[in-house]
Amino acid sequence: MITEERAFHILQLDETATAEEIVARYEVLKDEYRRIKDETEDLRTRLAYQLKQIELDDVFIYFRRKQII
């Protein structure tokens, strides 16, 4: 279960971040994780970054439900 504290930790932001900062950080991390996942040949690394992408999506959904973004 995602909590607000955990969501900010995943995005590497402090809890005073604005909605714009949250969305921007989400997009940057999502692109970075996708690039790493796509460029690696190692199956474990691919899977790890796929899980990170899922976690980011969970954070995005959490913030949407709480109407923060």
PDB file of N, CA and C in Angstrom:
ATOM      1  N   MET A   1       0.849  -1.182   0.000  1.00  0.00           N
ATOM      2  CA  MET A   1       0.000   0.000   0.000  1.00  0.00           C
ATOM      3  C   MET A   1       0.897   1.249   0.000  1.00  0.00           C
ATOM      4  N   ILE A   2       0.554   2.170  -0.830  1.00  0.00           N
ATOM      5  CA  ILE A   2       1.298   3.420  -0.947  1.00  0.00           C
ATOM      6  C   ILE A   2       0.738   4.419   0.066  1.00  0.00           C
ATOM      7  N   THR A   3       1.627   5.035   0.807  1.00  0.00           N
ATOM      8  CA  THR A   3       1.259   6.126   1.702  1.00  0.00           C
ATOM      9  C   THR A   3       1.821   7.411   1.108  1.00  0.00           C
ATOM     10  N   GLU A   4       1.375   8.535   1.613  1.00  0.00           N
ATOM     11  CA  GLU A   4       1.864   9.808   1.090  1.00  0.00           C
ATOM     12  C   GLU A   4       3.375   9.934   1.309  1.00  0.00           C
ATOM     13  N   GLU A   5       3.824   9.548   2.481  1.00  0.00           N
ATOM     14  CA  GLU A   5       5.255   9.615   2.777  1.00  0.00           C
ATOM     15  C   GLU A   5       6.056   8.730   1.816  1.00  0.00           C
ATOM     16  N   ARG A   6       5.573   7.525   1.600  1.00  0.00           N
ATOM     17  CA  ARG A   6       6.249   6.582   0.691  1.00  0.00           C
ATOM     18  C   ARG A   6       6.225   7.109  -0.746  1.00  0.00           C
ATOM     19  N   ALA A   7       5.123   7.702  -1.153  1.00  0.00           N
ATOM     20  CA  ALA A   7       5.004   8.235  -2.514  1.00  0.00           C
ATOM     21  C   ALA A   7       6.046   9.323  -2.760  1.00  0.00           C
ATOM     22  N   PHE A   8       6.194  10.232  -1.816  1.00  0.00           N
ATOM     23  CA  PHE A   8       7.201  11.282  -1.965  1.00  0.00           C
ATOM     24  C   PHE A   8       8.608  10.696  -1.953  1.00  0.00           C
ATOM     25  N   HIS A   9       8.817   9.677  -1.137  1.00  0.00           N
ATOM     26  CA  HIS A   9      10.123   9.016  -1.089  1.00  0.00           C
ATOM     27  C   HIS A   9      10.454   8.369  -2.439  1.00  0.00           C
ATOM     28  N   ILE A  10       9.503   7.693  -3.037  1.00  0.00           N
ATOM     29  CA  ILE A  10       9.710   7.043  -4.331  1.00  0.00           C
ATOM     30  C   ILE A  10      10.074   8.072  -5.391  1.00  0.00           C
ATOM     31  N   LEU A  11       9.425   9.218  -5.362  1.00  0.00           N
ATOM     32  CA  LEU A  11       9.710  10.280  -6.326  1.00  0.00           C
ATOM     33  C   LEU A  11      10.947  11.087  -5.960  1.00  0.00           C
ATOM     34  N   GLN A  12      11.482  10.840  -4.782  1.00  0.00           N
ATOM     35  CA  GLN A  12      12.658  11.555  -4.291  1.00  0.00           C
ATOM     36  C   GLN A  12      12.388  13.053  -4.184  1.00  0.00           C
ATOM     37  N   LEU A  13      11.218  13.372  -3.651  1.00  0.00           N
ATOM     38  CA  LEU A  13      10.805  14.755  -3.433  1.00  0.00           C
ATOM     39  C   LEU A  13      10.438  14.934  -1.970  1.00  0.00           C
ATOM     40  N   ASP A  14      10.491  16.192  -1.504  1.00  0.00           N
ATOM     41  CA  ASP A  14      10.001  16.405  -0.150  1.00  0.00           C
ATOM     42  C   ASP A  14       8.506  16.711  -0.213  1.00  0.00           C
ATOM     43  N   GLU A  15       7.875  16.665   0.926  1.00  0.00           N
ATOM     44  CA  GLU A  15       6.408  16.735   0.982  1.00  0.00           C
ATOM     45  C   GLU A  15       5.837  18.110   0.666  1.00  0.00           C
ATOM     46  N   THR A  16       6.691  19.090   0.399  1.00  0.00           N
ATOM     47  CA  THR A  16       6.204  20.422   0.029  1.00  0.00           C
ATOM     48  C   THR A  16       6.158  20.604  -1.494  1.00  0.00           C
ATOM     49  N   ALA A  17       6.435  19.552  -2.244  1.00  0.00           N
ATOM     50  CA  ALA A  17       6.456  19.639  -3.712  1.00  0.00           C
ATOM     51  C   ALA A  17       5.073  20.005  -4.251  1.00  0.00           C
ATOM     52  N   THR A  18       5.077  20.807  -5.293  1.00  0.00           N
ATOM     53  CA  THR A  18       3.818  21.202  -5.937  1.00  0.00           C
ATOM     54  C   THR A  18       3.362  20.110  -6.893  1.00  0.00           C
ATOM     55  N   ALA A  19       2.133  20.224  -7.342  1.00  0.00           N
ATOM     56  CA  ALA A  19       1.594  19.256  -8.299  1.00  0.00           C
ATOM     57  C   ALA A  19       2.445  19.216  -9.568  1.00  0.00           C
ATOM     58  N   GLU A  20       2.893  20.381 -10.017  1.00  0.00           N
ATOM     59  CA  GLU A  20       3.719  20.447 -11.224  1.00  0.00           C
ATOM     60  C   GLU A  20       5.055  19.734 -11.020  1.00  0.00           C
ATOM     61  N   GLU A  21       5.641  19.903  -9.843  1.00  0.00           N
ATOM     62  CA  GLU A  21       6.906  19.231  -9.533  1.00  0.00           C
ATOM     63  C   GLU A  21       6.719  17.712  -9.457  1.00  0.00           C
ATOM     64  N   ILE A  22       5.612  17.284  -8.897  1.00  0.00           N
ATOM     65  CA  ILE A  22       5.324  15.854  -8.799  1.00  0.00           C
ATOM     66  C   ILE A  22       5.198  15.243 -10.185  1.00  0.00           C
ATOM     67  N   VAL A  23       4.412  15.865 -11.046  1.00  0.00           N
ATOM     68  CA  VAL A  23       4.209  15.339 -12.401  1.00  0.00           C
ATOM     69  C   VAL A  23       5.520  15.356 -13.184  1.00  0.00           C
ATOM     70  N   ALA A  24       6.280  16.427 -13.067  1.00  0.00           N
ATOM     71  CA  ALA A  24       7.553  16.515 -13.789  1.00  0.00           C
ATOM     72  C   ALA A  24       8.509  15.429 -13.325  1.00  0.00           C
ATOM     73  N   ARG A  25       8.600  15.220 -12.011  1.00  0.00           N
ATOM     74  CA  ARG A  25       9.504  14.189 -11.479  1.00  0.00           C
ATOM     75  C   ARG A  25       9.048  12.806 -11.912  1.00  0.00           C
ATOM     76  N   TYR A  26       7.748  12.557 -11.902  1.00  0.00           N
ATOM     77  CA  TYR A  26       7.194  11.285 -12.361  1.00  0.00           C
ATOM     78  C   TYR A  26       7.617  11.020 -13.809  1.00  0.00           C
ATOM     79  N   GLU A  27       7.449  12.012 -14.664  1.00  0.00           N
ATOM     80  CA  GLU A  27       7.782  11.843 -16.081  1.00  0.00           C
ATOM     81  C   GLU A  27       9.273  11.596 -16.289  1.00  0.00           C
ATOM     82  N   VAL A  28      10.116  12.330 -15.556  1.00  0.00           N
ATOM     83  CA  VAL A  28      11.569  12.150 -15.679  1.00  0.00           C
ATOM     84  C   VAL A  28      11.971  10.745 -15.251  1.00  0.00           C
ATOM     85  N   LEU A  29      11.479  10.307 -14.093  1.00  0.00           N
ATOM     86  CA  LEU A  29      11.835   8.975 -13.607  1.00  0.00           C
ATOM     87  C   LEU A  29      11.278   7.878 -14.516  1.00  0.00           C
ATOM     88  N   LYS A  30      10.072   8.054 -15.000  1.00  0.00           N
ATOM     89  CA  LYS A  30       9.454   7.062 -15.885  1.00  0.00           C
ATOM     90  C   LYS A  30      10.295   6.907 -17.151  1.00  0.00           C
ATOM     91  N   ASP A  31      10.702   8.019 -17.756  1.00  0.00           N
ATOM     92  CA  ASP A  31      11.541   7.967 -18.960  1.00  0.00           C
ATOM     93  C   ASP A  31      12.898   7.343 -18.666  1.00  0.00           C
ATOM     94  N   GLU A  32      13.489   7.717 -17.532  1.00  0.00           N
ATOM     95  CA  GLU A  32      14.802   7.175 -17.155  1.00  0.00           C
ATOM     96  C   GLU A  32      14.721   5.666 -16.939  1.00  0.00           C
ATOM     97  N   TYR A  33      13.711   5.212 -16.220  1.00  0.00           N
ATOM     98  CA  TYR A  33      13.558   3.784 -15.954  1.00  0.00           C
ATOM     99  C   TYR A  33      13.273   3.008 -17.241  1.00  0.00           C
ATOM    100  N   ARG A  34      12.474   3.592 -18.127  1.00  0.00           N
ATOM    101  CA  ARG A  34      12.165   2.933 -19.403  1.00  0.00           C
ATOM    102  C   ARG A  34      13.437   2.807 -20.245  1.00  0.00           C
ATOM    103  N   ARG A  35      14.242   3.868 -20.273  1.00  0.00           N
ATOM    104  CA  ARG A  35      15.475   3.844 -21.053  1.00  0.00           C
ATOM    105  C   ARG A  35      16.435   2.780 -20.521  1.00  0.00           C
ATOM    106  N   ILE A  36      16.610   2.738 -19.215  1.00  0.00           N
ATOM    107  CA  ILE A  36      17.504   1.748 -18.616  1.00  0.00           C
ATOM    108  C   ILE A  36      16.996   0.338 -18.900  1.00  0.00           C
ATOM    109  N   LYS A  37      15.704   0.135 -18.718  1.00  0.00           N
ATOM    110  CA  LYS A  37      15.123  -1.189 -18.962  1.00  0.00           C
ATOM    111  C   LYS A  37      15.317  -1.616 -20.407  1.00  0.00           C
ATOM    112  N   ASP A  38      15.115  -0.695 -21.338  1.00  0.00           N
ATOM    113  CA  ASP A  38      15.220  -1.025 -22.757  1.00  0.00           C
ATOM    114  C   ASP A  38      16.658  -1.234 -23.222  1.00  0.00           C
ATOM    115  N   GLU A  39      17.618  -0.579 -22.575  1.00  0.00           N
ATOM    116  CA  GLU A  39      19.007  -0.647 -23.019  1.00  0.00           C
ATOM    117  C   GLU A  39      19.785  -1.826 -22.440  1.00  0.00           C
ATOM    118  N   THR A  40      19.279  -2.423 -21.384  1.00  0.00           N
ATOM    119  CA  THR A  40      20.039  -3.498 -20.740  1.00  0.00           C
ATOM    120  C   THR A  40      19.694  -4.855 -21.338  1.00  0.00           C
ATOM    121  N   GLU A  41      20.655  -5.734 -21.307  1.00  0.00           N
ATOM    122  CA  GLU A  41      20.465  -7.113 -21.771  1.00  0.00           C
ATOM    123  C   GLU A  41      20.149  -8.034 -20.589  1.00  0.00           C
ATOM    124  N   ASP A  42      20.514  -7.589 -19.376  1.00  0.00           N
ATOM    125  CA  ASP A  42      20.358  -8.407 -18.190  1.00  0.00           C
ATOM    126  C   ASP A  42      18.885  -8.521 -17.800  1.00  0.00           C
ATOM    127  N   LEU A  43      18.396  -9.740 -17.722  1.00  0.00           N
ATOM    128  CA  LEU A  43      16.988  -9.977 -17.428  1.00  0.00           C
ATOM    129  C   LEU A  43      16.595  -9.467 -16.039  1.00  0.00           C
ATOM    130  N   ARG A  44      17.468  -9.646 -15.049  1.00  0.00           N
ATOM    131  CA  ARG A  44      17.157  -9.169 -13.700  1.00  0.00           C
ATOM    132  C   ARG A  44      17.032  -7.652 -13.657  1.00  0.00           C
ATOM    133  N   THR A  45      17.912  -6.976 -14.355  1.00  0.00           N
ATOM    134  CA  THR A  45      17.858  -5.514 -14.398  1.00  0.00           C
ATOM    135  C   THR A  45      16.591  -5.058 -15.110  1.00  0.00           C
ATOM    136  N   ARG A  46      16.255  -5.704 -16.211  1.00  0.00           N
ATOM    137  CA  ARG A  46      15.024  -5.358 -16.936  1.00  0.00           C
ATOM    138  C   ARG A  46      13.810  -5.509 -16.034  1.00  0.00           C
ATOM    139  N   LEU A  47      13.759  -6.619 -15.317  1.00  0.00           N
ATOM    140  CA  LEU A  47      12.633  -6.878 -14.428  1.00  0.00           C
ATOM    141  C   LEU A  47      12.592  -5.868 -13.276  1.00  0.00           C
ATOM    142  N   ALA A  48      13.747  -5.557 -12.715  1.00  0.00           N
ATOM    143  CA  ALA A  48      13.807  -4.594 -11.616  1.00  0.00           C
ATOM    144  C   ALA A  48      13.280  -3.229 -12.058  1.00  0.00           C
ATOM    145  N   TYR A  49      13.667  -2.801 -13.251  1.00  0.00           N
ATOM    146  CA  TYR A  49      13.210  -1.488 -13.717  1.00  0.00           C
ATOM    147  C   TYR A  49      11.762  -1.522 -14.174  1.00  0.00           C
ATOM    148  N   GLN A  50      11.294  -2.659 -14.603  1.00  0.00           N
ATOM    149  CA  GLN A  50       9.874  -2.784 -14.906  1.00  0.00           C
ATOM    150  C   GLN A  50       9.065  -2.647 -13.612  1.00  0.00           C
ATOM    151  N   LEU A  51       9.553  -3.232 -12.531  1.00  0.00           N
ATOM    152  CA  LEU A  51       8.881  -3.098 -11.238  1.00  0.00           C
ATOM    153  C   LEU A  51       8.922  -1.658 -10.739  1.00  0.00           C
ATOM    154  N   LYS A  52      10.036  -0.964 -10.987  1.00  0.00           N
ATOM    155  CA  LYS A  52      10.126   0.454 -10.610  1.00  0.00           C
ATOM    156  C   LYS A  52       9.096   1.272 -11.392  1.00  0.00           C
ATOM    157  N   GLN A  53       8.883   0.937 -12.658  1.00  0.00           N
ATOM    158  CA  GLN A  53       7.891   1.649 -13.461  1.00  0.00           C
ATOM    159  C   GLN A  53       6.486   1.416 -12.898  1.00  0.00           C
ATOM    160  N   ILE A  54       6.208   0.206 -12.492  1.00  0.00           N
ATOM    161  CA  ILE A  54       4.901  -0.109 -11.907  1.00  0.00           C
ATOM    162  C   ILE A  54       4.714   0.674 -10.605  1.00  0.00           C
ATOM    163  N   GLU A  55       5.766   0.738  -9.799  1.00  0.00           N
ATOM    164  CA  GLU A  55       5.715   1.496  -8.548  1.00  0.00           C
ATOM    165  C   GLU A  55       5.443   2.978  -8.822  1.00  0.00           C
ATOM    166  N   LEU A  56       6.088   3.526  -9.845  1.00  0.00           N
ATOM    167  CA  LEU A  56       5.839   4.924 -10.214  1.00  0.00           C
ATOM    168  C   LEU A  56       4.389   5.136 -10.627  1.00  0.00           C
ATOM    169  N   ASP A  57       3.856   4.193 -11.391  1.00  0.00           N
ATOM    170  CA  ASP A  57       2.454   4.301 -11.798  1.00  0.00           C
ATOM    171  C   ASP A  57       1.526   4.252 -10.582  1.00  0.00           C
ATOM    172  N   ASP A  58       1.864   3.413  -9.608  1.00  0.00           N
ATOM    173  CA  ASP A  58       1.078   3.357  -8.372  1.00  0.00           C
ATOM    174  C   ASP A  58       1.103   4.700  -7.644  1.00  0.00           C
ATOM    175  N   VAL A  59       2.268   5.337  -7.614  1.00  0.00           N
ATOM    176  CA  VAL A  59       2.396   6.658  -6.984  1.00  0.00           C
ATOM    177  C   VAL A  59       1.530   7.675  -7.727  1.00  0.00           C
ATOM    178  N   PHE A  60       1.588   7.649  -9.048  1.00  0.00           N
ATOM    179  CA  PHE A  60       0.793   8.580  -9.853  1.00  0.00           C
ATOM    180  C   PHE A  60      -0.698   8.397  -9.560  1.00  0.00           C
ATOM    181  N   ILE A  61      -1.139   7.143  -9.519  1.00  0.00           N
ATOM    182  CA  ILE A  61      -2.546   6.847  -9.221  1.00  0.00           C
ATOM    183  C   ILE A  61      -2.907   7.323  -7.818  1.00  0.00           C
ATOM    184  N   TYR A  62      -2.003   7.106  -6.860  1.00  0.00           N
ATOM    185  CA  TYR A  62      -2.237   7.554  -5.488  1.00  0.00           C
ATOM    186  C   TYR A  62      -2.478   9.066  -5.445  1.00  0.00           C
ATOM    187  N   PHE A  63      -1.595   9.818  -6.091  1.00  0.00           N
ATOM    188  CA  PHE A  63      -1.737  11.269  -6.076  1.00  0.00           C
ATOM    189  C   PHE A  63      -2.993  11.721  -6.816  1.00  0.00           C
ATOM    190  N   ARG A  64      -3.380  11.018  -7.856  1.00  0.00           N
ATOM    191  CA  ARG A  64      -4.616  11.354  -8.572  1.00  0.00           C
ATOM    192  C   ARG A  64      -5.834  11.141  -7.690  1.00  0.00           C
ATOM    193  N   ARG A  65      -5.838  10.019  -6.995  1.00  0.00           N
ATOM    194  CA  ARG A  65      -6.972   9.714  -6.113  1.00  0.00           C
ATOM    195  C   ARG A  65      -7.088  10.705  -4.967  1.00  0.00           C
ATOM    196  N   LYS A  66      -5.958  11.162  -4.465  1.00  0.00           N
ATOM    197  CA  LYS A  66      -5.954  12.136  -3.379  1.00  0.00           C
ATOM    198  C   LYS A  66      -6.137  13.561  -3.913  1.00  0.00           C
ATOM    199  N   GLN A  67      -6.279  13.687  -5.226  1.00  0.00           N
ATOM    200  CA  GLN A  67      -6.480  14.958  -5.908  1.00  0.00           C
ATOM    201  C   GLN A  67      -5.363  15.948  -5.625  1.00  0.00           C
ATOM    202  N   ILE A  68      -4.152  15.424  -5.521  1.00  0.00           N
ATOM    203  CA  ILE A  68      -2.976  16.265  -5.335  1.00  0.00           C
ATOM    204  C   ILE A  68      -2.464  16.727  -6.696  1.00  0.00           C
ATOM    205  N   ILE A  69      -2.669  15.879  -7.705  1.00  0.00           N
ATOM    206  CA  ILE A  69      -2.304  16.259  -9.067  1.00  0.00           C
ATOM    207  C   ILE A  69      -3.505  16.177  -9.962  1.00  0.00           C
TER     208      ILE A  69
END
